Amino acid sequence: MSQLLPSALVDAISELGRLPGVGARTAERYAYFLLRSNKHLSDDLVKAIANLHSGVKSCPVTFALIDADEDMSPLYSDPSRDKTIVAVVEEPLDIIALERTGQYNGTYHVLGGAISPIDGIGPEQLHIPELIERLTKDNVQEVIIATNASVEGESTALFLQRHILDAGIDIKLTRLARGIPVGVDLEYAGQITLAHALEGRRAF
């Protein structure tokens, strides 16, 4: 392909192809679309990507993504949010999925992944100690374990249950109801499905 296309276009296709879910043909279409479009579109895209790391950071309490100039997540600092309820999710984008239901007014805690030995991710790579600290600090009454309905998500949920119980913390543990199909990440679940899952959460 490098002999058939200009090197700049080949480089763009190669880099776009490194994105998750983007195959060779899709990368070619994206690169060609950008080439045909107004240069301002490419410039804006480059600027947004260049500012990504400097403009985003993790909340030191919830580990949700926040603007670089913020001290903590607005979903935690907002006095109208119920700090006694914490939904534990795997990734920051899972928060968006739950917020869209309009059925949840507690706070969040992002683990930063799920336990997956095959991927080299153990409990020590997750924000579990910080969660345990929050349970006492915020006088948390309920923890909703909202990890994904996958093998890794279930393993992480069971580990959290044992870890919290072993810490001697008397707290209500719930899990999202099975309205979420097994194998579907929260990010891709429908709003109605998530709303029912929140409403029908069960004791863990």
N, C-alpha and C. Protein backbone atom coordinates (compact mmCIF):
# COMPACT_ATOMS: atom_id res chain seq x y z
N MET A 1 0.83 -1.22 0.00
CA MET A 1 0.00 0.00 0.00
C MET A 1 0.85 1.26 0.00
N SER A 2 2.06 1.19 0.62
CA SER A 2 2.92 2.35 0.69
C SER A 2 3.38 2.81 -0.68
N GLN A 3 3.39 1.89 -1.69
CA GLN A 3 3.79 2.26 -3.04
C GLN A 3 2.64 2.87 -3.82
N LEU A 4 1.42 2.65 -3.36
CA LEU A 4 0.25 3.13 -4.09
C LEU A 4 -0.29 4.44 -3.55
N LEU A 5 0.00 4.78 -2.29
CA LEU A 5 -0.54 5.98 -1.65
C LEU A 5 0.59 6.86 -1.13
N PRO A 6 0.33 8.16 -1.02
CA PRO A 6 1.32 9.07 -0.45
C PRO A 6 1.67 8.65 0.98
N SER A 7 2.90 8.84 1.38
CA SER A 7 3.35 8.39 2.69
C SER A 7 2.58 9.04 3.83
N ALA A 8 2.17 10.31 3.66
CA ALA A 8 1.42 11.00 4.72
C ALA A 8 0.07 10.32 4.95
N LEU A 9 -0.56 9.88 3.86
CA LEU A 9 -1.84 9.20 3.97
C LEU A 9 -1.66 7.81 4.58
N VAL A 10 -0.60 7.14 4.20
CA VAL A 10 -0.30 5.82 4.76
C VAL A 10 -0.07 5.93 6.27
N ASP A 11 0.65 6.97 6.68
CA ASP A 11 0.91 7.17 8.11
C ASP A 11 -0.38 7.40 8.88
N ALA A 12 -1.28 8.21 8.30
CA ALA A 12 -2.57 8.49 8.95
C ALA A 12 -3.39 7.22 9.08
N ILE A 13 -3.42 6.41 8.04
CA ILE A 13 -4.16 5.14 8.07
C ILE A 13 -3.58 4.22 9.13
N SER A 14 -2.26 4.17 9.20
CA SER A 14 -1.60 3.30 10.17
C SER A 14 -1.93 3.70 11.60
N GLU A 15 -1.89 4.99 11.89
CA GLU A 15 -2.17 5.47 13.25
C GLU A 15 -3.64 5.28 13.61
N LEU A 16 -4.55 5.57 12.69
CA LEU A 16 -5.97 5.38 12.96
C LEU A 16 -6.28 3.91 13.18
N GLY A 17 -5.56 3.04 12.51
CA GLY A 17 -5.78 1.60 12.65
C GLY A 17 -5.37 1.06 14.00
N ARG A 18 -4.66 1.86 14.78
CA ARG A 18 -4.26 1.42 16.13
C ARG A 18 -5.38 1.62 17.15
N LEU A 19 -6.43 2.35 16.76
CA LEU A 19 -7.54 2.58 17.67
C LEU A 19 -8.37 1.30 17.82
N PRO A 20 -8.93 1.06 19.01
CA PRO A 20 -9.72 -0.17 19.22
C PRO A 20 -10.96 -0.18 18.34
N GLY A 21 -11.21 -1.30 17.73
CA GLY A 21 -12.40 -1.45 16.90
C GLY A 21 -12.27 -0.88 15.50
N VAL A 22 -11.10 -0.35 15.18
CA VAL A 22 -10.90 0.23 13.85
C VAL A 22 -10.01 -0.70 13.03
N GLY A 23 -10.61 -1.36 12.04
CA GLY A 23 -9.85 -2.24 11.17
C GLY A 23 -9.18 -1.47 10.05
N ALA A 24 -8.50 -2.20 9.18
CA ALA A 24 -7.74 -1.57 8.09
C ALA A 24 -8.65 -0.76 7.16
N ARG A 25 -9.78 -1.34 6.76
CA ARG A 25 -10.67 -0.65 5.82
C ARG A 25 -11.29 0.60 6.46
N THR A 26 -11.68 0.48 7.73
CA THR A 26 -12.26 1.62 8.43
C THR A 26 -11.22 2.73 8.59
N ALA A 27 -9.99 2.36 8.89
CA ALA A 27 -8.91 3.34 9.02
C ALA A 27 -8.69 4.06 7.69
N GLU A 28 -8.76 3.33 6.60
CA GLU A 28 -8.61 3.94 5.27
C GLU A 28 -9.73 4.94 5.00
N ARG A 29 -10.96 4.58 5.36
CA ARG A 29 -12.10 5.48 5.13
C ARG A 29 -11.98 6.74 5.98
N TYR A 30 -11.58 6.58 7.26
CA TYR A 30 -11.41 7.74 8.14
C TYR A 30 -10.34 8.69 7.59
N ALA A 31 -9.21 8.12 7.21
CA ALA A 31 -8.10 8.95 6.73
C ALA A 31 -8.48 9.68 5.44
N TYR A 32 -9.15 8.97 4.54
CA TYR A 32 -9.55 9.60 3.27
C TYR A 32 -10.62 10.65 3.50
N PHE A 33 -11.52 10.41 4.46
CA PHE A 33 -12.53 11.41 4.80
C PHE A 33 -11.87 12.70 5.30
N LEU A 34 -10.88 12.55 6.18
CA LEU A 34 -10.18 13.72 6.70
C LEU A 34 -9.43 14.46 5.59
N LEU A 35 -8.87 13.71 4.66
CA LEU A 35 -8.14 14.31 3.55
C LEU A 35 -9.07 15.12 2.65
N ARG A 36 -10.25 14.58 2.41
CA ARG A 36 -11.21 15.27 1.53
C ARG A 36 -11.91 16.43 2.22
N SER A 37 -11.98 16.40 3.54
CA SER A 37 -12.71 17.43 4.29
C SER A 37 -11.91 18.72 4.39
N ASN A 38 -12.59 19.75 4.86
CA ASN A 38 -11.94 21.03 5.10
C ASN A 38 -10.78 20.85 6.08
N LYS A 39 -9.67 21.52 5.84
CA LYS A 39 -8.49 21.37 6.69
C LYS A 39 -8.79 21.72 8.14
N HIS A 40 -9.77 22.60 8.37
CA HIS A 40 -10.11 22.99 9.74
C HIS A 40 -10.57 21.78 10.57
N LEU A 41 -11.22 20.82 9.91
CA LEU A 41 -11.67 19.63 10.62
C LEU A 41 -10.47 18.85 11.17
N SER A 42 -9.46 18.66 10.32
CA SER A 42 -8.25 17.96 10.77
C SER A 42 -7.53 18.75 11.85
N ASP A 43 -7.48 20.07 11.68
CA ASP A 43 -6.79 20.91 12.67
C ASP A 43 -7.49 20.83 14.02
N ASP A 44 -8.82 20.86 14.00
CA ASP A 44 -9.58 20.77 15.26
C ASP A 44 -9.37 19.41 15.92
N LEU A 45 -9.33 18.36 15.11
CA LEU A 45 -9.11 17.02 15.64
C LEU A 45 -7.72 16.90 16.27
N VAL A 46 -6.73 17.43 15.59
CA VAL A 46 -5.36 17.39 16.11
C VAL A 46 -5.27 18.17 17.41
N LYS A 47 -5.93 19.33 17.47
CA LYS A 47 -5.90 20.15 18.68
C LYS A 47 -6.57 19.43 19.85
N ALA A 48 -7.72 18.80 19.58
CA ALA A 48 -8.44 18.10 20.64
C ALA A 48 -7.61 16.94 21.19
N ILE A 49 -6.97 16.21 20.31
CA ILE A 49 -6.15 15.08 20.75
C ILE A 49 -4.92 15.56 21.51
N ALA A 50 -4.31 16.67 21.03
CA ALA A 50 -3.12 17.21 21.68
C ALA A 50 -3.41 17.69 23.10
N ASN A 51 -4.65 18.17 23.32
CA ASN A 51 -5.02 18.69 24.64
C ASN A 51 -5.58 17.61 25.57
N LEU A 52 -5.73 16.40 25.06
CA LEU A 52 -6.41 15.35 25.81
C LEU A 52 -5.72 15.04 27.14
N HIS A 53 -4.42 14.81 27.10
CA HIS A 53 -3.71 14.43 28.32
C HIS A 53 -3.53 15.59 29.28
N SER A 54 -3.31 16.79 28.75
CA SER A 54 -3.10 17.94 29.62
C SER A 54 -4.41 18.50 30.17
N GLY A 55 -5.52 18.21 29.51
CA GLY A 55 -6.80 18.80 29.91
C GLY A 55 -7.68 17.89 30.75
N VAL A 56 -7.26 16.64 30.96
CA VAL A 56 -8.08 15.68 31.69
C VAL A 56 -7.24 15.04 32.80
N LYS A 57 -7.87 14.85 33.96
CA LYS A 57 -7.21 14.13 35.05
C LYS A 57 -8.26 13.32 35.80
N SER A 58 -7.81 12.53 36.75
CA SER A 58 -8.72 11.71 37.55
C SER A 58 -9.04 12.41 38.87
N CYS A 59 -10.29 12.31 39.28
CA CYS A 59 -10.69 12.83 40.59
C CYS A 59 -9.94 12.06 41.67
N PRO A 60 -9.33 12.74 42.64
CA PRO A 60 -8.56 12.04 43.67
C PRO A 60 -9.43 11.23 44.64
N VAL A 61 -10.74 11.45 44.61
CA VAL A 61 -11.65 10.73 45.51
C VAL A 61 -12.38 9.60 44.79
N THR A 62 -12.99 9.93 43.67
CA THR A 62 -13.82 8.95 42.95
C THR A 62 -13.11 8.30 41.78
N PHE A 63 -12.04 8.92 41.30
CA PHE A 63 -11.28 8.48 40.13
C PHE A 63 -12.08 8.58 38.84
N ALA A 64 -13.12 9.42 38.86
CA ALA A 64 -13.83 9.77 37.64
C ALA A 64 -12.97 10.76 36.86
N LEU A 65 -13.21 10.90 35.58
CA LEU A 65 -12.46 11.86 34.76
C LEU A 65 -13.03 13.25 34.97
N ILE A 66 -12.13 14.23 35.17
CA ILE A 66 -12.55 15.61 35.39
C ILE A 66 -11.63 16.54 34.62
N ASP A 67 -12.03 17.81 34.49
CA ASP A 67 -11.18 18.81 33.86
C ASP A 67 -9.92 19.02 34.70
N ALA A 68 -8.84 19.34 34.05
CA ALA A 68 -7.56 19.49 34.74
C ALA A 68 -7.57 20.58 35.79
N ASP A 69 -8.47 21.57 35.65
CA ASP A 69 -8.50 22.68 36.61
C ASP A 69 -9.49 22.45 37.75
N GLU A 70 -10.12 21.28 37.79
CA GLU A 70 -11.05 20.96 38.87
C GLU A 70 -10.34 20.21 39.99
N ASP A 71 -10.84 20.39 41.21
CA ASP A 71 -10.25 19.72 42.36
C ASP A 71 -10.80 18.30 42.52
N MET A 72 -12.10 18.14 42.26
CA MET A 72 -12.70 16.82 42.36
C MET A 72 -13.95 16.75 41.49
N SER A 73 -14.49 15.56 41.35
CA SER A 73 -15.65 15.36 40.48
C SER A 73 -16.87 16.13 40.99
N PRO A 74 -17.55 16.87 40.10
CA PRO A 74 -18.77 17.57 40.49
C PRO A 74 -19.85 16.61 41.01
N LEU A 75 -19.80 15.36 40.57
CA LEU A 75 -20.77 14.37 41.02
C LEU A 75 -20.50 13.94 42.46
N TYR A 76 -19.34 14.32 42.98
CA TYR A 76 -19.03 14.05 44.38
C TYR A 76 -19.18 15.31 45.23
N SER A 77 -18.72 16.44 44.70
CA SER A 77 -18.74 17.68 45.48
C SER A 77 -20.13 18.31 45.55
N ASP A 78 -21.02 17.95 44.63
CA ASP A 78 -22.38 18.49 44.61
C ASP A 78 -23.10 18.09 45.91
N PRO A 79 -23.53 19.07 46.72
CA PRO A 79 -24.18 18.75 48.00
C PRO A 79 -25.51 18.01 47.85
N SER A 80 -26.08 18.05 46.66
CA SER A 80 -27.36 17.35 46.46
C SER A 80 -27.17 15.85 46.21
N ARG A 81 -25.93 15.42 45.97
CA ARG A 81 -25.68 14.00 45.77
C ARG A 81 -25.57 13.29 47.11
N ASP A 82 -26.11 12.09 47.18
CA ASP A 82 -26.12 11.30 48.41
C ASP A 82 -24.80 10.52 48.55
N LYS A 83 -23.93 11.00 49.43
CA LYS A 83 -22.62 10.37 49.60
C LYS A 83 -22.69 9.04 50.36
N THR A 84 -23.85 8.73 50.91
CA THR A 84 -23.96 7.47 51.66
C THR A 84 -24.23 6.28 50.73
N ILE A 85 -24.39 6.55 49.44
CA ILE A 85 -24.57 5.49 48.45
C ILE A 85 -23.47 5.62 47.40
N VAL A 86 -22.75 4.55 47.17
CA VAL A 86 -21.65 4.57 46.21
C VAL A 86 -21.84 3.46 45.19
N ALA A 87 -21.86 3.82 43.92
CA ALA A 87 -21.90 2.84 42.84
C ALA A 87 -20.47 2.60 42.37
N VAL A 88 -20.03 1.36 42.46
CA VAL A 88 -18.67 1.00 42.07
C VAL A 88 -18.69 0.51 40.63
N VAL A 89 -17.95 1.20 39.76
CA VAL A 89 -17.92 0.84 38.34
C VAL A 89 -16.48 0.54 37.92
N GLU A 90 -16.36 -0.08 36.78
CA GLU A 90 -15.02 -0.46 36.30
C GLU A 90 -14.29 0.73 35.67
N GLU A 91 -14.97 1.44 34.77
CA GLU A 91 -14.32 2.49 34.00
C GLU A 91 -15.11 3.80 34.09
N PRO A 92 -14.45 4.95 33.85
CA PRO A 92 -15.12 6.25 33.95
C PRO A 92 -16.34 6.40 33.05
N LEU A 93 -16.31 5.81 31.84
CA LEU A 93 -17.46 5.95 30.94
C LEU A 93 -18.70 5.24 31.44
N ASP A 94 -18.53 4.30 32.37
CA ASP A 94 -19.68 3.62 32.96
C ASP A 94 -20.54 4.61 33.76
N ILE A 95 -19.92 5.65 34.28
CA ILE A 95 -20.66 6.68 35.02
C ILE A 95 -21.66 7.37 34.11
N ILE A 96 -21.24 7.67 32.90
CA ILE A 96 -22.13 8.33 31.94
C ILE A 96 -23.35 7.47 31.67
N ALA A 97 -23.13 6.18 31.51
CA ALA A 97 -24.24 5.27 31.23
C ALA A 97 -25.26 5.28 32.36
N LEU A 98 -24.80 5.25 33.61
CA LEU A 98 -25.72 5.24 34.75
C LEU A 98 -26.40 6.60 34.93
N GLU A 99 -25.68 7.68 34.69
CA GLU A 99 -26.25 9.01 34.83
C GLU A 99 -27.38 9.25 33.84
N ARG A 100 -27.27 8.68 32.67
CA ARG A 100 -28.29 8.87 31.63
C ARG A 100 -29.63 8.27 32.01
N THR A 101 -29.63 7.34 32.96
CA THR A 101 -30.91 6.74 33.37
C THR A 101 -31.75 7.74 34.17
N GLY A 102 -31.11 8.70 34.82
CA GLY A 102 -31.82 9.66 35.65
C GLY A 102 -32.39 9.04 36.92
N GLN A 103 -31.95 7.83 37.25
CA GLN A 103 -32.50 7.09 38.39
C GLN A 103 -31.54 7.02 39.58
N TYR A 104 -30.39 7.65 39.46
CA TYR A 104 -29.37 7.49 40.50
C TYR A 104 -28.88 8.85 40.99
N ASN A 105 -28.84 9.03 42.31
CA ASN A 105 -28.42 10.30 42.88
C ASN A 105 -27.30 10.13 43.90
N GLY A 106 -26.66 8.96 43.91
CA GLY A 106 -25.54 8.74 44.81
C GLY A 106 -24.25 9.19 44.19
N THR A 107 -23.13 8.69 44.69
CA THR A 107 -21.83 9.01 44.13
C THR A 107 -21.22 7.77 43.49
N TYR A 108 -20.02 7.91 42.97
CA TYR A 108 -19.39 6.82 42.22
C TYR A 108 -17.99 6.54 42.74
N HIS A 109 -17.51 5.35 42.39
CA HIS A 109 -16.12 5.02 42.62
C HIS A 109 -15.65 4.18 41.44
N VAL A 110 -14.64 4.67 40.73
CA VAL A 110 -14.11 3.99 39.55
C VAL A 110 -12.93 3.11 39.95
N LEU A 111 -13.05 1.82 39.68
CA LEU A 111 -11.98 0.89 40.04
C LEU A 111 -10.76 1.01 39.13
N GLY A 112 -11.01 1.40 37.88
CA GLY A 112 -9.92 1.47 36.92
C GLY A 112 -9.69 0.16 36.20
N GLY A 113 -10.75 -0.67 36.12
CA GLY A 113 -10.64 -1.94 35.43
C GLY A 113 -11.32 -3.04 36.22
N ALA A 114 -11.04 -4.27 35.83
CA ALA A 114 -11.59 -5.45 36.51
C ALA A 114 -10.48 -6.48 36.67
N ILE A 115 -10.62 -7.32 37.67
CA ILE A 115 -9.62 -8.35 37.92
C ILE A 115 -9.59 -9.32 36.73
N SER A 116 -8.42 -9.45 36.15
CA SER A 116 -8.26 -10.31 34.98
C SER A 116 -6.84 -10.86 34.94
N PRO A 117 -6.61 -11.99 35.59
CA PRO A 117 -5.25 -12.56 35.64
C PRO A 117 -4.62 -12.76 34.27
N ILE A 118 -5.44 -13.11 33.27
CA ILE A 118 -4.90 -13.35 31.94
C ILE A 118 -4.33 -12.07 31.32
N ASP A 119 -4.85 -10.92 31.77
CA ASP A 119 -4.35 -9.62 31.29
C ASP A 119 -3.36 -8.99 32.28
N GLY A 120 -3.03 -9.74 33.32
CA GLY A 120 -2.09 -9.23 34.30
C GLY A 120 -2.65 -8.18 35.23
N ILE A 121 -3.99 -8.15 35.38
CA ILE A 121 -4.63 -7.17 36.25
C ILE A 121 -5.12 -7.88 37.52
N GLY A 122 -4.52 -7.52 38.63
CA GLY A 122 -4.93 -8.08 39.91
C GLY A 122 -5.57 -7.01 40.77
N PRO A 123 -6.03 -7.37 41.95
CA PRO A 123 -6.67 -6.40 42.85
C PRO A 123 -5.77 -5.21 43.18
N GLU A 124 -4.45 -5.45 43.21
CA GLU A 124 -3.53 -4.38 43.56
C GLU A 124 -3.46 -3.28 42.50
N GLN A 125 -3.94 -3.56 41.28
CA GLN A 125 -3.95 -2.53 40.24
C GLN A 125 -5.23 -1.67 40.28
N LEU A 126 -6.18 -2.06 41.11
CA LEU A 126 -7.46 -1.36 41.16
C LEU A 126 -7.53 -0.43 42.38
N HIS A 127 -8.47 0.52 42.33
CA HIS A 127 -8.62 1.52 43.41
C HIS A 127 -9.51 0.97 44.52
N ILE A 128 -9.13 -0.19 45.04
CA ILE A 128 -9.92 -0.82 46.10
C ILE A 128 -9.59 -0.25 47.48
N PRO A 129 -8.32 -0.02 47.82
CA PRO A 129 -8.02 0.57 49.14
C PRO A 129 -8.69 1.93 49.34
N GLU A 130 -8.73 2.72 48.27
CA GLU A 130 -9.36 4.03 48.35
C GLU A 130 -10.87 3.91 48.58
N LEU A 131 -11.47 2.86 48.01
CA LEU A 131 -12.90 2.61 48.24
C LEU A 131 -13.15 2.28 49.71
N ILE A 132 -12.35 1.39 50.26
CA ILE A 132 -12.52 1.00 51.67
C ILE A 132 -12.40 2.22 52.58
N GLU A 133 -11.46 3.11 52.26
CA GLU A 133 -11.28 4.33 53.05
C GLU A 133 -12.52 5.22 52.98
N ARG A 134 -13.11 5.32 51.79
CA ARG A 134 -14.30 6.15 51.60
C ARG A 134 -15.50 5.63 52.39
N LEU A 135 -15.62 4.32 52.51
CA LEU A 135 -16.78 3.74 53.17
C LEU A 135 -16.92 4.26 54.60
N THR A 136 -15.79 4.41 55.26
CA THR A 136 -15.81 4.93 56.63
C THR A 136 -15.87 6.45 56.65
N LYS A 137 -15.08 7.07 55.81
CA LYS A 137 -14.99 8.53 55.78
C LYS A 137 -16.34 9.18 55.48
N ASP A 138 -17.07 8.64 54.52
CA ASP A 138 -18.36 9.22 54.10
C ASP A 138 -19.56 8.54 54.76
N ASN A 139 -19.30 7.66 55.71
CA ASN A 139 -20.39 6.95 56.40
C ASN A 139 -21.33 6.30 55.39
N VAL A 140 -20.74 5.60 54.45
CA VAL A 140 -21.51 4.97 53.37
C VAL A 140 -22.42 3.88 53.93
N GLN A 141 -23.68 3.89 53.49
CA GLN A 141 -24.67 2.91 53.94
C GLN A 141 -24.91 1.80 52.93
N GLU A 142 -24.67 2.09 51.65
CA GLU A 142 -24.89 1.09 50.61
C GLU A 142 -23.84 1.21 49.52
N VAL A 143 -23.32 0.07 49.12
CA VAL A 143 -22.41 -0.01 47.98
C VAL A 143 -23.11 -0.80 46.89
N ILE A 144 -23.31 -0.16 45.74
CA ILE A 144 -23.89 -0.84 44.58
C ILE A 144 -22.73 -1.30 43.70
N ILE A 145 -22.52 -2.59 43.63
CA ILE A 145 -21.43 -3.10 42.80
C ILE A 145 -21.95 -3.18 41.36
N ALA A 146 -21.48 -2.23 40.56
CA ALA A 146 -21.98 -2.09 39.19
C ALA A 146 -20.92 -2.46 38.17
N THR A 147 -20.16 -3.51 38.48
CA THR A 147 -19.19 -3.99 37.50
C THR A 147 -19.94 -4.66 36.35
N ASN A 148 -19.25 -4.82 35.23
CA ASN A 148 -19.89 -5.37 34.05
C ASN A 148 -20.32 -6.82 34.24
N ALA A 149 -21.33 -7.23 33.50
CA ALA A 149 -21.85 -8.60 33.57
C ALA A 149 -21.00 -9.52 32.71
N SER A 150 -19.72 -9.64 33.10
CA SER A 150 -18.77 -10.50 32.40
C SER A 150 -18.07 -11.37 33.43
N VAL A 151 -17.26 -12.30 32.96
CA VAL A 151 -16.52 -13.16 33.90
C VAL A 151 -15.63 -12.30 34.79
N GLU A 152 -14.94 -11.32 34.18
CA GLU A 152 -14.06 -10.45 34.94
C GLU A 152 -14.85 -9.58 35.90
N GLY A 153 -15.99 -9.08 35.44
CA GLY A 153 -16.82 -8.23 36.30
C GLY A 153 -17.37 -8.99 37.49
N GLU A 154 -17.79 -10.24 37.26
CA GLU A 154 -18.31 -11.06 38.35
C GLU A 154 -17.21 -11.41 39.35
N SER A 155 -16.02 -11.73 38.85
CA SER A 155 -14.90 -12.04 39.74
C SER A 155 -14.55 -10.82 40.60
N THR A 156 -14.58 -9.65 39.99
CA THR A 156 -14.27 -8.43 40.72
C THR A 156 -15.33 -8.16 41.77
N ALA A 157 -16.59 -8.40 41.44
CA ALA A 157 -17.69 -8.18 42.39
C ALA A 157 -17.55 -9.10 43.60
N LEU A 158 -17.22 -10.36 43.35
CA LEU A 158 -17.05 -11.31 44.46
C LEU A 158 -15.85 -10.93 45.33
N PHE A 159 -14.78 -10.46 44.68
CA PHE A 159 -13.61 -10.04 45.45
C PHE A 159 -13.95 -8.84 46.33
N LEU A 160 -14.69 -7.88 45.78
CA LEU A 160 -15.08 -6.70 46.55
C LEU A 160 -15.94 -7.09 47.75
N GLN A 161 -16.88 -8.01 47.51
CA GLN A 161 -17.74 -8.46 48.60
C GLN A 161 -16.91 -9.03 49.74
N ARG A 162 -15.99 -9.94 49.42
CA ARG A 162 -15.15 -10.55 50.44
C ARG A 162 -14.27 -9.52 51.13
N HIS A 163 -13.71 -8.61 50.34
CA HIS A 163 -12.79 -7.62 50.88
C HIS A 163 -13.49 -6.68 51.86
N ILE A 164 -14.70 -6.26 51.50
CA ILE A 164 -15.45 -5.36 52.37
C ILE A 164 -15.87 -6.07 53.65
N LEU A 165 -16.32 -7.32 53.51
CA LEU A 165 -16.72 -8.09 54.69
C LEU A 165 -15.53 -8.37 55.60
N ASP A 166 -14.38 -8.69 54.99
CA ASP A 166 -13.18 -8.97 55.77
C ASP A 166 -12.68 -7.74 56.51
N ALA A 167 -13.03 -6.56 55.98
CA ALA A 167 -12.61 -5.32 56.63
C ALA A 167 -13.49 -5.01 57.84
N GLY A 168 -14.53 -5.84 58.04
CA GLY A 168 -15.41 -5.67 59.20
C GLY A 168 -16.34 -4.48 59.09
N ILE A 169 -16.63 -4.05 57.87
CA ILE A 169 -17.51 -2.90 57.66
C ILE A 169 -18.94 -3.39 57.51
N ASP A 170 -19.82 -2.92 58.37
CA ASP A 170 -21.23 -3.30 58.32
C ASP A 170 -21.94 -2.39 57.33
N ILE A 171 -22.24 -2.93 56.16
CA ILE A 171 -22.78 -2.10 55.08
C ILE A 171 -23.69 -2.95 54.20
N LYS A 172 -24.62 -2.29 53.54
CA LYS A 172 -25.51 -2.97 52.60
C LYS A 172 -24.82 -3.10 51.26
N LEU A 173 -24.68 -4.32 50.77
CA LEU A 173 -24.06 -4.57 49.47
C LEU A 173 -25.12 -5.02 48.48
N THR A 174 -25.21 -4.33 47.34
CA THR A 174 -26.16 -4.71 46.31
C THR A 174 -25.44 -4.83 44.98
N ARG A 175 -26.08 -5.52 44.06
CA ARG A 175 -25.53 -5.74 42.72
C ARG A 175 -26.60 -5.33 41.73
N LEU A 176 -26.22 -4.76 40.60
CA LEU A 176 -27.21 -4.42 39.59
C LEU A 176 -28.00 -5.66 39.21
N ALA A 177 -29.30 -5.49 39.02
CA ALA A 177 -30.16 -6.61 38.65
C ALA A 177 -29.78 -7.12 37.27
N ARG A 178 -30.27 -8.31 36.95
CA ARG A 178 -29.89 -8.95 35.71
C ARG A 178 -30.61 -8.41 34.49
N GLY A 179 -31.00 -7.15 34.56
CA GLY A 179 -31.55 -6.52 33.36
C GLY A 179 -30.48 -6.31 32.31
N ILE A 180 -29.22 -6.38 32.74
CA ILE A 180 -28.10 -6.20 31.82
C ILE A 180 -27.66 -7.56 31.31
N PRO A 181 -27.70 -7.79 30.01
CA PRO A 181 -27.31 -9.09 29.47
C PRO A 181 -25.86 -9.40 29.78
N VAL A 182 -25.57 -10.67 30.02
CA VAL A 182 -24.20 -11.10 30.27
C VAL A 182 -23.35 -10.81 29.03
N GLY A 183 -22.18 -10.25 29.26
CA GLY A 183 -21.27 -9.95 28.16
C GLY A 183 -21.40 -8.55 27.61
N VAL A 184 -22.37 -7.77 28.10
CA VAL A 184 -22.58 -6.41 27.60
C VAL A 184 -22.03 -5.41 28.62
N ASP A 185 -21.12 -4.53 28.19
CA ASP A 185 -20.56 -3.51 29.06
C ASP A 185 -21.60 -2.42 29.32
N LEU A 186 -21.50 -1.76 30.48
CA LEU A 186 -22.46 -0.70 30.83
C LEU A 186 -22.52 0.38 29.76
N GLU A 187 -21.37 0.69 29.19
CA GLU A 187 -21.30 1.76 28.20
C GLU A 187 -22.26 1.53 27.03
N TYR A 188 -22.53 0.24 26.71
CA TYR A 188 -23.34 -0.08 25.54
C TYR A 188 -24.74 -0.55 25.89
N ALA A 189 -25.06 -0.55 27.17
CA ALA A 189 -26.41 -0.96 27.58
C ALA A 189 -27.39 0.19 27.36
N GLY A 190 -28.64 -0.15 27.05
CA GLY A 190 -29.65 0.88 26.82
C GLY A 190 -30.07 1.56 28.11
N GLN A 191 -30.61 2.77 27.98
CA GLN A 191 -31.02 3.54 29.16
C GLN A 191 -32.13 2.83 29.93
N ILE A 192 -33.11 2.26 29.22
CA ILE A 192 -34.22 1.58 29.89
C ILE A 192 -33.71 0.36 30.64
N THR A 193 -32.81 -0.40 29.99
CA THR A 193 -32.23 -1.58 30.63
C THR A 193 -31.50 -1.19 31.91
N LEU A 194 -30.71 -0.13 31.83
CA LEU A 194 -29.96 0.32 33.01
C LEU A 194 -30.89 0.83 34.10
N ALA A 195 -31.95 1.54 33.72
CA ALA A 195 -32.90 2.06 34.70
C ALA A 195 -33.55 0.92 35.47
N HIS A 196 -33.97 -0.13 34.75
CA HIS A 196 -34.58 -1.29 35.41
C HIS A 196 -33.57 -2.01 36.29
N ALA A 197 -32.32 -2.06 35.83
CA ALA A 197 -31.29 -2.73 36.61
C ALA A 197 -31.03 -1.99 37.92
N LEU A 198 -31.07 -0.67 37.87
CA LEU A 198 -30.88 0.12 39.09
C LEU A 198 -32.06 -0.06 40.04
N GLU A 199 -33.27 0.02 39.49
CA GLU A 199 -34.47 -0.10 40.32
C GLU A 199 -34.58 -1.47 40.96
N GLY A 200 -34.12 -2.50 40.22
CA GLY A 200 -34.27 -3.86 40.71
C GLY A 200 -33.02 -4.44 41.31
N ARG A 201 -32.11 -3.58 41.77
CA ARG A 201 -30.88 -4.11 42.35
C ARG A 201 -31.22 -4.95 43.57
N ARG A 202 -30.39 -5.97 43.78
CA ARG A 202 -30.68 -6.95 44.85
C ARG A 202 -29.55 -6.99 45.87
N ALA A 203 -29.85 -7.58 47.00
CA ALA A 203 -28.82 -7.75 48.04
C ALA A 203 -27.72 -8.63 47.51
N PHE A 204 -26.48 -8.28 47.84
CA PHE A 204 -25.34 -9.03 47.31
C PHE A 204 -25.03 -10.21 48.21
